[in-house]
Every structure is written in C-alpha cells, then in structure tokens.
Amino acid sequence: MKEPNRTNKDLLGKGVQRMAIALIFMFISPAIIHSAFKNQDHPLYIPILILGLIGAVFAIFMAFRGLRTIMESMFGKKK
C-alpha cells in the first residue's frame, strides 16, 4: 500500500520565505522606478532606473521560484 504524500514543512517554509521576499520587492521596485521617472533631470536617473528594473525582475524570479518550491513541498519532485 502506497503512503499518501506528506507536505515537507521545511521546504514549505523555504517557499513561503521566497514568496515574502518577492512581495517585498514587488512593493519596493515600483516605488524606485516611479522615483526615477519623477527625477529625470537628476544625474543618477539611469542608475536608479536600472536598480528598480533589476528589483522588479528579481521579484518576478523569486515569485516563480517560491511557487515552485511550495509545489514541490506539497506534491514532491517532478520525475
């Protein structure tokens, strides 16, 4: 008889932590991008804009990574 899948609590915690990091960056990155666009005449416009865009990409990456980790904790590794 096959044992039903159990949730790996350590892996679930890691996935939730990644989702929390993604959530933080989802709020910070648009604020940085907005700040950059409001100050286009400032000499640091381009570096601040790039920083905001990198943060936005990182937020998307961490969200996908967190969801994948949570799914692995519930259903096991894909074979």
PDB file of N, CA and C in Angstrom:
ATOM      1  N   MET A   1       0.844  -1.183   0.000  1.00  0.00           N
ATOM      2  CA  MET A   1       0.000   0.000   0.000  1.00  0.00           C
ATOM      3  C   MET A   1       0.889   1.245   0.000  1.00  0.00           C
ATOM      4  N   LYS A   2       0.556   2.164  -0.875  1.00  0.00           N
ATOM      5  CA  LYS A   2       1.366   3.375  -1.014  1.00  0.00           C
ATOM      6  C   LYS A   2       0.952   4.414   0.015  1.00  0.00           C
ATOM      7  N   GLU A   3       1.963   5.009   0.645  1.00  0.00           N
ATOM      8  CA  GLU A   3       1.705   6.058   1.640  1.00  0.00           C
ATOM      9  C   GLU A   3       1.354   7.365   0.916  1.00  0.00           C
ATOM     10  N   PRO A   4       0.344   8.084   1.390  1.00  0.00           N
ATOM     11  CA  PRO A   4      -0.009   9.354   0.729  1.00  0.00           C
ATOM     12  C   PRO A   4       1.103  10.382   0.904  1.00  0.00           C
ATOM     13  N   ASN A   5       1.152  11.307  -0.059  1.00  0.00           N
ATOM     14  CA  ASN A   5       2.176  12.359   0.006  1.00  0.00           C
ATOM     15  C   ASN A   5       1.961  13.230   1.231  1.00  0.00           C
ATOM     16  N   ARG A   6       3.045  13.539   1.893  1.00  0.00           N
ATOM     17  CA  ARG A   6       3.021  14.427   3.042  1.00  0.00           C
ATOM     18  C   ARG A   6       3.737  15.713   2.666  1.00  0.00           C
ATOM     19  N   THR A   7       3.298  16.800   3.233  1.00  0.00           N
ATOM     20  CA  THR A   7       3.930  18.083   2.964  1.00  0.00           C
ATOM     21  C   THR A   7       5.253  18.164   3.702  1.00  0.00           C
ATOM     22  N   ASN A   8       6.290  18.517   2.964  1.00  0.00           N
ATOM     23  CA  ASN A   8       7.610  18.730   3.546  1.00  0.00           C
ATOM     24  C   ASN A   8       7.603  20.131   4.155  1.00  0.00           C
ATOM     25  N   LYS A   9       7.524  20.214   5.467  1.00  0.00           N
ATOM     26  CA  LYS A   9       7.350  21.500   6.152  1.00  0.00           C
ATOM     27  C   LYS A   9       8.566  22.409   6.013  1.00  0.00           C
ATOM     28  N   ASP A  10       9.770  21.826   5.980  1.00  0.00           N
ATOM     29  CA  ASP A  10      10.981  22.641   5.810  1.00  0.00           C
ATOM     30  C   ASP A  10      10.994  23.300   4.428  1.00  0.00           C
ATOM     31  N   LEU A  11      10.657  22.517   3.418  1.00  0.00           N
ATOM     32  CA  LEU A  11      10.619  23.043   2.056  1.00  0.00           C
ATOM     33  C   LEU A  11       9.490  24.057   1.891  1.00  0.00           C
ATOM     34  N   LEU A  12       8.375  23.810   2.558  1.00  0.00           N
ATOM     35  CA  LEU A  12       7.258  24.767   2.519  1.00  0.00           C
ATOM     36  C   LEU A  12       7.674  26.097   3.145  1.00  0.00           C
ATOM     37  N   GLY A  13       8.380  26.041   4.251  1.00  0.00           N
ATOM     38  CA  GLY A  13       8.856  27.264   4.894  1.00  0.00           C
ATOM     39  C   GLY A  13       9.805  28.042   3.998  1.00  0.00           C
ATOM     40  N   LYS A  14      10.661  27.338   3.289  1.00  0.00           N
ATOM     41  CA  LYS A  14      11.588  27.990   2.362  1.00  0.00           C
ATOM     42  C   LYS A  14      10.813  28.664   1.218  1.00  0.00           C
ATOM     43  N   GLY A  15       9.769  27.998   0.729  1.00  0.00           N
ATOM     44  CA  GLY A  15       8.957  28.576  -0.341  1.00  0.00           C
ATOM     45  C   GLY A  15       8.205  29.811   0.117  1.00  0.00           C
ATOM     46  N   VAL A  16       7.675  29.772   1.323  1.00  0.00           N
ATOM     47  CA  VAL A  16       6.958  30.935   1.864  1.00  0.00           C
ATOM     48  C   VAL A  16       7.930  32.090   2.082  1.00  0.00           C
ATOM     49  N   GLN A  17       9.133  31.777   2.511  1.00  0.00           N
ATOM     50  CA  GLN A  17      10.154  32.813   2.698  1.00  0.00           C
ATOM     51  C   GLN A  17      10.497  33.470   1.363  1.00  0.00           C
ATOM     52  N   ARG A  18      10.624  32.674   0.319  1.00  0.00           N
ATOM     53  CA  ARG A  18      10.899  33.237  -1.004  1.00  0.00           C
ATOM     54  C   ARG A  18       9.739  34.102  -1.491  1.00  0.00           C
ATOM     55  N   MET A  19       8.530  33.682  -1.203  1.00  0.00           N
ATOM     56  CA  MET A  19       7.361  34.484  -1.603  1.00  0.00           C
ATOM     57  C   MET A  19       7.327  35.803  -0.830  1.00  0.00           C
ATOM     58  N   ALA A  20       7.747  35.787   0.430  1.00  0.00           N
ATOM     59  CA  ALA A  20       7.794  37.024   1.219  1.00  0.00           C
ATOM     60  C   ALA A  20       8.831  37.989   0.655  1.00  0.00           C
ATOM     61  N   ILE A  21       9.972  37.463   0.241  1.00  0.00           N
ATOM     62  CA  ILE A  21      10.995  38.305  -0.381  1.00  0.00           C
ATOM     63  C   ILE A  21      10.461  38.900  -1.678  1.00  0.00           C
ATOM     64  N   ALA A  22       9.764  38.080  -2.458  1.00  0.00           N
ATOM     65  CA  ALA A  22       9.178  38.571  -3.709  1.00  0.00           C
ATOM     66  C   ALA A  22       8.155  39.669  -3.431  1.00  0.00           C
ATOM     67  N   LEU A  23       7.354  39.496  -2.398  1.00  0.00           N
ATOM     68  CA  LEU A  23       6.348  40.501  -2.056  1.00  0.00           C
ATOM     69  C   LEU A  23       6.992  41.829  -1.673  1.00  0.00           C
ATOM     70  N   ILE A  24       8.060  41.761  -0.911  1.00  0.00           N
ATOM     71  CA  ILE A  24       8.776  42.985  -0.529  1.00  0.00           C
ATOM     72  C   ILE A  24       9.288  43.709  -1.775  1.00  0.00           C
ATOM     73  N   PHE A  25       9.909  42.959  -2.671  1.00  0.00           N
ATOM     74  CA  PHE A  25      10.437  43.581  -3.887  1.00  0.00           C
ATOM     75  C   PHE A  25       9.328  44.054  -4.827  1.00  0.00           C
ATOM     76  N   MET A  26       8.150  43.419  -4.764  1.00  0.00           N
ATOM     77  CA  MET A  26       7.024  43.868  -5.586  1.00  0.00           C
ATOM     78  C   MET A  26       6.521  45.245  -5.161  1.00  0.00           C
ATOM     79  N   PHE A  27       6.740  45.613  -3.913  1.00  0.00           N
ATOM     80  CA  PHE A  27       6.345  46.945  -3.458  1.00  0.00           C
ATOM     81  C   PHE A  27       7.474  47.965  -3.592  1.00  0.00           C
ATOM     82  N   ILE A  28       8.707  47.540  -3.352  1.00  0.00           N
ATOM     83  CA  ILE A  28       9.830  48.471  -3.382  1.00  0.00           C
ATOM     84  C   ILE A  28      10.202  48.873  -4.809  1.00  0.00           C
ATOM     85  N   SER A  29      10.244  47.919  -5.725  1.00  0.00           N
ATOM     86  CA  SER A  29      10.701  48.189  -7.084  1.00  0.00           C
ATOM     87  C   SER A  29       9.856  49.229  -7.821  1.00  0.00           C
ATOM     88  N   PRO A  30       8.534  49.147  -7.813  1.00  0.00           N
ATOM     89  CA  PRO A  30       7.759  50.198  -8.490  1.00  0.00           C
ATOM     90  C   PRO A  30       7.964  51.581  -7.863  1.00  0.00           C
ATOM     91  N   ALA A  31       8.190  51.631  -6.559  1.00  0.00           N
ATOM     92  CA  ALA A  31       8.450  52.920  -5.912  1.00  0.00           C
ATOM     93  C   ALA A  31       9.778  53.505  -6.403  1.00  0.00           C
ATOM     94  N   ILE A  32      10.778  52.655  -6.557  1.00  0.00           N
ATOM     95  CA  ILE A  32      12.076  53.113  -7.053  1.00  0.00           C
ATOM     96  C   ILE A  32      11.956  53.577  -8.507  1.00  0.00           C
ATOM     97  N   ILE A  33      11.229  52.806  -9.321  1.00  0.00           N
ATOM     98  CA  ILE A  33      11.047  53.179 -10.725  1.00  0.00           C
ATOM     99  C   ILE A  33      10.283  54.493 -10.831  1.00  0.00           C
ATOM    100  N   HIS A  34       9.244  54.649 -10.040  1.00  0.00           N
ATOM    101  CA  HIS A  34       8.462  55.891 -10.041  1.00  0.00           C
ATOM    102  C   HIS A  34       9.330  57.072  -9.620  1.00  0.00           C
ATOM    103  N   SER A  35      10.145  56.881  -8.611  1.00  0.00           N
ATOM    104  CA  SER A  35      11.046  57.931  -8.155  1.00  0.00           C
ATOM    105  C   SER A  35      12.034  58.322  -9.253  1.00  0.00           C
ATOM    106  N   ALA A  36      12.521  57.340  -9.983  1.00  0.00           N
ATOM    107  CA  ALA A  36      13.458  57.624 -11.074  1.00  0.00           C
ATOM    108  C   ALA A  36      12.780  58.447 -12.163  1.00  0.00           C
ATOM    109  N   PHE A  37      11.545  58.087 -12.522  1.00  0.00           N
ATOM    110  CA  PHE A  37      10.842  58.823 -13.580  1.00  0.00           C
ATOM    111  C   PHE A  37      10.450  60.234 -13.151  1.00  0.00           C
ATOM    112  N   LYS A  38      10.240  60.432 -11.860  1.00  0.00           N
ATOM    113  CA  LYS A  38       9.915  61.779 -11.384  1.00  0.00           C
ATOM    114  C   LYS A  38      11.127  62.704 -11.427  1.00  0.00           C
ATOM    115  N   ASN A  39      12.331  62.157 -11.382  1.00  0.00           N
ATOM    116  CA  ASN A  39      13.559  62.956 -11.348  1.00  0.00           C
ATOM    117  C   ASN A  39      14.416  62.678 -12.576  1.00  0.00           C
ATOM    118  N   GLN A  40      13.863  62.840 -13.764  1.00  0.00           N
ATOM    119  CA  GLN A  40      14.593  62.518 -14.984  1.00  0.00           C
ATOM    120  C   GLN A  40      15.764  63.457 -15.247  1.00  0.00           C
ATOM    121  N   ASP A  41      15.739  64.655 -14.682  1.00  0.00           N
ATOM    122  CA  ASP A  41      16.827  65.588 -14.914  1.00  0.00           C
ATOM    123  C   ASP A  41      17.996  65.390 -13.934  1.00  0.00           C
ATOM    124  N   HIS A  42      17.846  64.486 -12.985  1.00  0.00           N
ATOM    125  CA  HIS A  42      18.896  64.204 -11.995  1.00  0.00           C
ATOM    126  C   HIS A  42      19.991  63.346 -12.639  1.00  0.00           C
ATOM    127  N   PRO A  43      21.260  63.557 -12.263  1.00  0.00           N
ATOM    128  CA  PRO A  43      22.342  62.769 -12.871  1.00  0.00           C
ATOM    129  C   PRO A  43      22.281  61.267 -12.558  1.00  0.00           C
ATOM    130  N   LEU A  44      21.634  60.877 -11.473  1.00  0.00           N
ATOM    131  CA  LEU A  44      21.538  59.458 -11.124  1.00  0.00           C
ATOM    132  C   LEU A  44      20.260  58.807 -11.649  1.00  0.00           C
ATOM    133  N   TYR A  45      19.607  59.425 -12.615  1.00  0.00           N
ATOM    134  CA  TYR A  45      18.349  58.906 -13.164  1.00  0.00           C
ATOM    135  C   TYR A  45      18.521  57.484 -13.708  1.00  0.00           C
ATOM    136  N   ILE A  46      19.508  57.275 -14.576  1.00  0.00           N
ATOM    137  CA  ILE A  46      19.695  55.970 -15.218  1.00  0.00           C
ATOM    138  C   ILE A  46      20.070  54.885 -14.200  1.00  0.00           C
ATOM    139  N   PRO A  47      21.032  55.117 -13.293  1.00  0.00           N
ATOM    140  CA  PRO A  47      21.350  54.044 -12.328  1.00  0.00           C
ATOM    141  C   PRO A  47      20.169  53.680 -11.413  1.00  0.00           C
ATOM    142  N   ILE A  48      19.388  54.667 -11.014  1.00  0.00           N
ATOM    143  CA  ILE A  48      18.228  54.386 -10.149  1.00  0.00           C
ATOM    144  C   ILE A  48      17.167  53.618 -10.925  1.00  0.00           C
ATOM    145  N   LEU A  49      16.961  53.989 -12.183  1.00  0.00           N
ATOM    146  CA  LEU A  49      16.000  53.273 -13.020  1.00  0.00           C
ATOM    147  C   LEU A  49      16.436  51.829 -13.228  1.00  0.00           C
ATOM    148  N   ILE A  50      17.709  51.630 -13.486  1.00  0.00           N
ATOM    149  CA  ILE A  50      18.232  50.266 -13.666  1.00  0.00           C
ATOM    150  C   ILE A  50      18.078  49.460 -12.376  1.00  0.00           C
ATOM    151  N   LEU A  51      18.340  50.079 -11.241  1.00  0.00           N
ATOM    152  CA  LEU A  51      18.167  49.411  -9.950  1.00  0.00           C
ATOM    153  C   LEU A  51      16.707  48.971  -9.750  1.00  0.00           C
ATOM    154  N   GLY A  52      15.778  49.836 -10.089  1.00  0.00           N
ATOM    155  CA  GLY A  52      14.363  49.498  -9.961  1.00  0.00           C
ATOM    156  C   GLY A  52      13.953  48.381 -10.895  1.00  0.00           C
ATOM    157  N   LEU A  53      14.463  48.397 -12.117  1.00  0.00           N
ATOM    158  CA  LEU A  53      14.125  47.343 -13.081  1.00  0.00           C
ATOM    159  C   LEU A  53      14.724  46.002 -12.663  1.00  0.00           C
ATOM    160  N   ILE A  54      15.937  46.025 -12.145  1.00  0.00           N
ATOM    161  CA  ILE A  54      16.552  44.783 -11.649  1.00  0.00           C
ATOM    162  C   ILE A  54      15.746  44.237 -10.470  1.00  0.00           C
ATOM    163  N   GLY A  55      15.290  45.121  -9.593  1.00  0.00           N
ATOM    164  CA  GLY A  55      14.458  44.692  -8.467  1.00  0.00           C
ATOM    165  C   GLY A  55      13.140  44.089  -8.926  1.00  0.00           C
ATOM    166  N   ALA A  56      12.541  44.652  -9.975  1.00  0.00           N
ATOM    167  CA  ALA A  56      11.276  44.117 -10.491  1.00  0.00           C
ATOM    168  C   ALA A  56      11.475  42.727 -11.092  1.00  0.00           C
ATOM    169  N   VAL A  57      12.554  42.558 -11.851  1.00  0.00           N
ATOM    170  CA  VAL A  57      12.850  41.248 -12.428  1.00  0.00           C
ATOM    171  C   VAL A  57      13.134  40.238 -11.322  1.00  0.00           C
ATOM    172  N   PHE A  58      13.858  40.667 -10.285  1.00  0.00           N
ATOM    173  CA  PHE A  58      14.151  39.792  -9.158  1.00  0.00           C
ATOM    174  C   PHE A  58      12.870  39.376  -8.433  1.00  0.00           C
ATOM    175  N   ALA A  59      11.911  40.299  -8.316  1.00  0.00           N
ATOM    176  CA  ALA A  59      10.634  39.973  -7.662  1.00  0.00           C
ATOM    177  C   ALA A  59       9.891  38.893  -8.442  1.00  0.00           C
ATOM    178  N   ILE A  60       9.860  39.010  -9.752  1.00  0.00           N
ATOM    179  CA  ILE A  60       9.187  38.003 -10.581  1.00  0.00           C
ATOM    180  C   ILE A  60       9.903  36.661 -10.462  1.00  0.00           C
ATOM    181  N   PHE A  61      11.229  36.700 -10.509  1.00  0.00           N
ATOM    182  CA  PHE A  61      12.020  35.473 -10.388  1.00  0.00           C
ATOM    183  C   PHE A  61      11.754  34.781  -9.052  1.00  0.00           C
ATOM    184  N   MET A  62      11.770  35.544  -7.965  1.00  0.00           N
ATOM    185  CA  MET A  62      11.559  34.950  -6.645  1.00  0.00           C
ATOM    186  C   MET A  62      10.134  34.424  -6.478  1.00  0.00           C
ATOM    187  N   ALA A  63       9.163  35.083  -7.104  1.00  0.00           N
ATOM    188  CA  ALA A  63       7.780  34.597  -7.023  1.00  0.00           C
ATOM    189  C   ALA A  63       7.653  33.233  -7.702  1.00  0.00           C
ATOM    190  N   PHE A  64       8.215  33.096  -8.896  1.00  0.00           N
ATOM    191  CA  PHE A  64       8.167  31.805  -9.580  1.00  0.00           C
ATOM    192  C   PHE A  64       8.933  30.741  -8.811  1.00  0.00           C
ATOM    193  N   ARG A  65      10.082  31.121  -8.289  1.00  0.00           N
ATOM    194  CA  ARG A  65      10.895  30.179  -7.522  1.00  0.00           C
ATOM    195  C   ARG A  65      10.168  29.748  -6.241  1.00  0.00           C
ATOM    196  N   GLY A  66       9.524  30.693  -5.581  1.00  0.00           N
ATOM    197  CA  GLY A  66       8.779  30.375  -4.364  1.00  0.00           C
ATOM    198  C   GLY A  66       7.592  29.474  -4.638  1.00  0.00           C
ATOM    199  N   LEU A  67       6.859  29.766  -5.714  1.00  0.00           N
ATOM    200  CA  LEU A  67       5.720  28.905  -6.068  1.00  0.00           C
ATOM    201  C   LEU A  67       6.178  27.494  -6.406  1.00  0.00           C
ATOM    202  N   ARG A  68       7.271  27.394  -7.142  1.00  0.00           N
ATOM    203  CA  ARG A  68       7.794  26.068  -7.482  1.00  0.00           C
ATOM    204  C   ARG A  68       8.212  25.297  -6.238  1.00  0.00           C
ATOM    205  N   THR A  69       8.835  25.990  -5.295  1.00  0.00           N
ATOM    206  CA  THR A  69       9.267  25.342  -4.055  1.00  0.00           C
ATOM    207  C   THR A  69       8.064  24.887  -3.235  1.00  0.00           C
ATOM    208  N   ILE A  70       7.038  25.711  -3.166  1.00  0.00           N
ATOM    209  CA  ILE A  70       5.827  25.331  -2.431  1.00  0.00           C
ATOM    210  C   ILE A  70       5.163  24.125  -3.083  1.00  0.00           C
ATOM    211  N   MET A  71       5.104  24.112  -4.406  1.00  0.00           N
ATOM    212  CA  MET A  71       4.503  22.971  -5.103  1.00  0.00           C
ATOM    213  C   MET A  71       5.314  21.696  -4.866  1.00  0.00           C
ATOM    214  N   GLU A  72       6.648  21.818  -4.870  1.00  0.00           N
ATOM    215  CA  GLU A  72       7.489  20.653  -4.589  1.00  0.00           C
ATOM    216  C   GLU A  72       7.283  20.148  -3.169  1.00  0.00           C
ATOM    217  N   SER A  73       7.053  21.057  -2.230  1.00  0.00           N
ATOM    218  CA  SER A  73       6.863  20.621  -0.845  1.00  0.00           C
ATOM    219  C   SER A  73       5.556  19.853  -0.677  1.00  0.00           C
ATOM    220  N   MET A  74       4.556  20.204  -1.466  1.00  0.00           N
ATOM    221  CA  MET A  74       3.261  19.522  -1.338  1.00  0.00           C
ATOM    222  C   MET A  74       3.168  18.233  -2.158  1.00  0.00           C
ATOM    223  N   PHE A  75       3.701  18.268  -3.368  1.00  0.00           N
ATOM    224  CA  PHE A  75       3.498  17.157  -4.285  1.00  0.00           C
ATOM    225  C   PHE A  75       4.753  16.347  -4.582  1.00  0.00           C
ATOM    226  N   GLY A  76       5.897  16.773  -4.082  1.00  0.00           N
ATOM    227  CA  GLY A  76       7.142  16.064  -4.337  1.00  0.00           C
ATOM    228  C   GLY A  76       7.798  16.552  -5.622  1.00  0.00           C
ATOM    229  N   LYS A  77       9.016  16.082  -5.832  1.00  0.00           N
ATOM    230  CA  LYS A  77       9.781  16.472  -7.031  1.00  0.00           C
ATOM    231  C   LYS A  77       9.153  15.899  -8.281  1.00  0.00           C
ATOM    232  N   LYS A  78       9.265  16.666  -9.368  1.00  0.00           N
ATOM    233  CA  LYS A  78       8.813  16.195 -10.672  1.00  0.00           C
ATOM    234  C   LYS A  78       9.793  15.146 -11.184  1.00  0.00           C
ATOM    235  N   LYS A  79       9.272  14.068 -11.725  1.00  0.00           N
ATOM    236  CA  LYS A  79      10.172  12.994 -12.193  1.00  0.00           C
ATOM    237  C   LYS A  79      10.401  13.075 -13.671  1.00  0.00           C
TER     238      LYS A  79
END
